[in-house]
Amino acid sequence: MVEQGEEKFKELSPEEQAEMQADIDDYLGIPRPDEKAGVYQFFKDVLKIKDSSKVSNLNDNEKDAVLLLQKMDDYAGKLWSIKPLGAYYGDEAQRLLSVCDSKNGFLVKQVGTQRREVKKADGEPRKKKRGWFGSKEEAEE
C-alpha cells in the first residue's frame, strides 16, 4: 500500500510534489523557514503587480493625470454603468503608471545600486586613507 502511494507521488510534477509535501508538513505541524525577501524579490514582485500606482515614480503633472483617469474609471464604470469606457480609462492610467516606473531607470537604479556609507560614531562620514598600510594622509572629498 505504501509502495503504491510512493509511485503515485513520483508521477506528480515537482510543483505538485512540493505542494503535497507542504500540506503534509502543515498537517504534522512541521515549521517551514520563512522566505527571504530582498531587493531582487521586491523588484520581481513589482514587475508582476497589476496596479502599480503605489510604486510609480511620478511628478506632480503625472500624478494629477493618473488621479483624473482613475476617477473617470470609477465614474464611468460604477456610477454611469458604462463598463467599456471605465475599462479604457483604467487601462490608460495603468499605461501612464507603467511608463513612469521606467522613467530615468528608476526601478533598475533602485535594484542595481545600493549605497552604503560608513559613518563614525559622531555621524561624520569616514575619510579614505591614502598610501600603504593606512598612512596618515587622508583623501579630501
Foldseek 3Di string as FASTA:
>chain_A
DVVVVVVVLVPDDPVVNVVVVVVVCVVVVPDDDDDDDDLVNVLVVCVVDQDNPPPFQDDPVLVVLLVVLQVQLCCCVPVVVNNVRSVVSVVVSSVSRVVRRCVVHVSVCSRVDDDDFDADPVGHGDFDADDPPRDPDTDDD
